[in-house]
Amino acid sequence: MITALKVFFSALLVWMCYMVISTSINSNLFKEWHFLGSIPWMRATLWDFYANVTAIFLWVCYKEKSIALRITWLLLLVALGSIATCAYVLIQLFSLKPGEGLNEFFSKQNG
């Protein structure tokens, strides 16, 4: 199961990087911000995004003891969204020792 999750989140990370880079090349978010902000679904999507960041950040706060790492990951989650989420999940997956599984993945705190 852990190997499958590593493959899945690696593929998701690559896909999200591709999507963000290709979209950024074709469309400037800062030039279109006023238009996008006028669309109700865009506002709902942003609220949804920050609700997800909050949920993921609570897990990060549980996992990480260092306040500096917590703040760093909060900034990365807000700035990079699912790219940072995938990176954090992959770091946690690759940090597991042989024989550790999902229980340790979700509950083991980092030093």
Protein backbone atom coordinates (compact mmCIF):
# COMPACT_ATOMS: atom_id res chain seq x y z
CA MET A 1 0.00 0.00 0.00
CA ILE A 2 2.82 2.45 0.87
CA THR A 3 4.50 1.87 -2.50
CA ALA A 4 1.21 2.50 -4.31
CA LEU A 5 0.78 5.75 -2.40
CA LYS A 6 4.31 6.83 -3.29
CA VAL A 7 3.61 6.20 -6.97
CA PHE A 8 0.21 7.90 -6.80
CA PHE A 9 1.43 11.06 -5.02
CA SER A 10 4.53 11.26 -7.23
CA ALA A 11 2.34 11.15 -10.34
CA LEU A 12 -0.04 13.69 -8.82
CA LEU A 13 2.87 16.00 -7.98
CA VAL A 14 4.23 15.81 -11.53
CA TRP A 15 0.74 16.39 -12.98
CA MET A 16 0.08 19.42 -10.78
CA CYS A 17 3.49 20.92 -11.61
CA TYR A 18 2.73 20.44 -15.31
CA MET A 19 -0.73 21.99 -14.96
CA VAL A 20 0.49 25.02 -13.01
CA ILE A 21 3.45 25.66 -15.29
CA SER A 22 1.51 25.22 -18.54
CA THR A 23 -1.37 27.35 -17.27
CA SER A 24 1.04 30.05 -16.07
CA ILE A 25 2.67 30.16 -19.50
CA ASN A 26 -0.70 30.64 -21.20
CA SER A 27 -2.49 32.83 -18.67
CA ASN A 28 -1.32 35.46 -16.19
CA LEU A 29 -3.30 35.04 -12.96
CA PHE A 30 -2.47 38.57 -11.79
CA LYS A 31 -3.75 40.16 -15.01
CA GLU A 32 -7.02 38.18 -14.82
CA TRP A 33 -7.53 38.44 -11.06
CA HIS A 34 -10.33 41.04 -11.17
CA PHE A 35 -12.27 39.04 -13.75
CA LEU A 36 -11.77 35.77 -11.90
CA GLY A 37 -12.73 37.35 -8.58
CA SER A 38 -16.07 38.40 -10.05
CA ILE A 39 -17.05 34.78 -10.74
CA PRO A 40 -18.97 33.25 -7.79
CA TRP A 41 -17.49 29.81 -8.45
CA MET A 42 -13.97 31.22 -8.25
CA ARG A 43 -14.72 32.72 -4.84
CA ALA A 44 -16.21 29.40 -3.70
CA THR A 45 -13.13 27.57 -5.02
CA LEU A 46 -10.84 29.85 -3.04
CA TRP A 47 -12.84 29.26 0.16
CA ASP A 48 -12.68 25.54 -0.55
CA PHE A 49 -8.92 25.74 -1.12
CA TYR A 50 -8.28 27.53 2.18
CA ALA A 51 -10.55 25.12 4.08
CA ASN A 52 -8.43 22.27 2.69
CA VAL A 53 -5.19 24.10 3.56
CA THR A 54 -6.49 24.50 7.12
CA ALA A 55 -7.27 20.78 7.44
CA ILE A 56 -3.90 19.73 6.02
CA PHE A 57 -2.07 22.31 8.13
CA LEU A 58 -3.63 20.90 11.31
CA TRP A 59 -2.12 17.52 10.39
CA VAL A 60 1.23 19.23 9.72
CA CYS A 61 1.03 20.90 13.15
CA TYR A 62 0.47 17.51 14.74
CA LYS A 63 3.31 15.88 12.81
CA GLU A 64 5.91 18.65 13.14
CA LYS A 65 7.26 19.76 16.52
CA SER A 66 9.29 22.69 15.15
CA ILE A 67 7.42 25.99 14.92
CA ALA A 68 9.74 27.02 12.07
CA LEU A 69 8.75 23.93 10.05
CA ARG A 70 5.08 24.54 10.80
CA ILE A 71 5.30 28.11 9.52
CA THR A 72 7.34 27.05 6.49
CA TRP A 73 4.79 24.41 5.56
CA LEU A 74 1.90 26.84 6.07
CA LEU A 75 3.50 29.28 3.64
CA LEU A 76 4.19 26.50 1.14
CA LEU A 77 0.64 25.15 1.40
CA VAL A 78 -0.86 28.61 0.85
CA ALA A 79 1.51 29.50 -2.00
CA LEU A 80 1.71 26.16 -3.81
CA GLY A 81 -1.49 24.34 -2.83
CA SER A 82 -1.59 20.73 -3.92
CA ILE A 83 2.03 20.83 -5.08
CA ALA A 84 3.11 21.45 -1.47
CA THR A 85 0.55 18.94 -0.19
CA CYS A 86 1.91 16.21 -2.47
CA ALA A 87 5.48 17.08 -1.50
CA TYR A 88 4.65 16.89 2.22
CA VAL A 89 2.84 13.57 1.82
CA LEU A 90 5.77 12.16 -0.18
CA ILE A 91 8.26 13.30 2.45
CA GLN A 92 6.18 11.55 5.10
CA LEU A 93 5.87 8.37 2.99
CA PHE A 94 9.58 8.20 2.22
CA SER A 95 10.37 8.83 5.91
CA LEU A 96 8.64 5.62 6.97
CA LYS A 97 10.91 2.85 8.17
CA PRO A 98 10.58 -0.66 6.71
CA GLY A 99 7.56 -2.35 8.23
CA GLU A 100 5.78 0.90 9.10
CA GLY A 101 2.41 1.46 7.50
CA LEU A 102 -0.52 3.84 7.40
CA ASN A 103 -0.88 4.02 11.18
CA GLU A 104 2.64 5.44 11.45
CA PHE A 105 2.13 7.59 8.38
CA PHE A 106 -0.80 9.37 9.96
CA SER A 107 0.17 9.31 13.61
CA LYS A 108 3.96 9.26 14.00
CA GLN A 109 5.30 12.67 14.95
CA ASN A 110 8.50 13.96 13.40
CA GLY A 111 11.52 14.71 15.58
